[in-house]
Protein backbone atom coordinates (compact mmCIF):
# COMPACT_ATOMS: atom_id res chain seq x y z
CA MET A 1 127.69 174.95 163.92
CA GLU A 2 131.38 175.40 163.35
CA TYR A 3 133.71 174.67 166.27
CA ASP A 4 134.54 177.88 168.14
CA PRO A 5 137.31 177.53 170.76
CA ILE A 6 136.16 180.61 172.70
CA ALA A 7 132.55 179.43 172.92
CA TYR A 8 133.69 175.96 173.96
CA PHE A 9 136.02 177.43 176.62
CA ARG A 10 133.17 179.52 178.04
CA TYR A 11 130.88 176.49 178.03
CA GLN A 12 133.48 174.44 179.92
CA CYS A 13 133.66 177.19 182.55
CA ILE A 14 129.90 177.30 183.14
CA GLN A 15 129.20 173.58 182.65
CA PRO A 16 129.31 172.80 186.41
CA LEU A 17 126.70 175.53 186.94
CA LEU A 18 124.28 173.83 184.56
CA GLU A 19 124.18 170.71 186.70
CA VAL A 20 123.25 172.26 190.06
CA GLU A 21 119.85 172.92 191.57
CA ARG A 22 118.84 176.57 191.68
CA GLY A 23 119.43 176.84 195.44
CA GLU A 24 122.97 175.50 195.04
CA LEU A 25 124.04 177.98 192.36
CA HIS A 26 125.65 180.36 194.87
CA LEU A 27 127.89 177.61 196.27
CA ALA A 28 128.84 176.37 192.80
CA LEU A 29 129.73 179.92 191.73
CA THR A 30 131.88 180.38 194.82
CA LYS A 31 133.90 177.30 193.87
CA ILE A 32 134.57 178.60 190.35
CA VAL A 33 135.11 182.33 190.98
CA GLY A 34 138.78 183.18 191.21
CA THR A 35 139.94 180.03 189.45
CA ASN A 36 142.40 180.52 186.63
CA PRO A 37 141.46 178.23 183.74
CA THR A 38 143.62 178.23 180.65
CA GLY A 39 141.89 179.69 177.60
CA PRO A 40 142.21 178.49 174.02
CA ASN A 41 145.09 180.92 173.45
CA GLY A 42 147.10 179.45 176.37
CA ARG A 43 146.46 182.48 178.59
CA HIS A 44 145.17 182.05 182.15
CA TYR A 45 141.91 183.86 182.91
CA THR A 46 140.49 184.91 186.28
CA LEU A 47 136.75 184.35 186.28
CA SER A 48 134.45 186.76 188.09
CA ARG A 49 130.94 186.07 189.36
CA ALA A 50 129.51 188.64 186.91
CA THR A 51 131.24 187.04 183.93
CA LEU A 52 130.05 183.55 184.85
CA MET A 53 126.49 184.76 185.37
CA ARG A 54 126.55 186.61 182.03
CA TRP A 55 127.85 183.51 180.22
CA LEU A 56 125.26 181.35 181.98
CA ALA A 57 122.43 183.69 180.94
CA LEU A 58 123.70 183.80 177.35
CA TYR A 59 123.91 180.01 177.23
CA ARG A 60 120.39 179.59 178.60
CA GLN A 61 119.05 182.03 175.98
CA GLY A 62 120.87 180.78 172.91
CA GLY A 63 122.96 177.72 173.63
CA ILE A 64 126.63 177.44 172.80
CA ASP A 65 126.25 179.77 169.79
CA ALA A 66 125.42 182.60 172.20
CA LEU A 67 128.83 182.12 173.86
CA ARG A 68 130.74 183.04 170.70
CA ALA A 69 132.88 186.18 170.94
CA LYS A 70 131.19 189.24 169.46
CA ALA A 71 133.05 191.53 167.05
CA ARG A 72 133.99 194.88 168.54
CA ARG A 73 131.78 197.76 167.45
CA ASP A 74 134.82 199.93 166.76
CA ARG A 75 136.61 197.29 164.71
CA GLY A 76 138.41 198.85 161.77
CA SER A 77 138.41 202.38 163.11
CA SER A 78 141.42 204.02 164.67
CA ARG A 79 141.32 205.16 168.25
CA ARG A 80 143.06 208.22 169.55
CA LEU A 81 145.33 207.60 172.49
CA GLY A 82 145.79 210.11 175.30
CA GLY A 83 143.74 213.17 176.01
């Protein structure tokens, strides 16, 4: 697997969740939600409970490869702005 800074960043965010017992997940999530870690692009991100749970589920299904950013479905097509 080639190094992917986004996947690694997401893994670092959920890594504390991987070490807790199932009954302690809620408390561990509470400690992480609202933190502002710095992403690979230098930008600060606010993590939500839903995002962390989605990343955790992806990681459990497919490992770190599942945390890679997906290409947008509309990539390459122009979008009309306004109404």
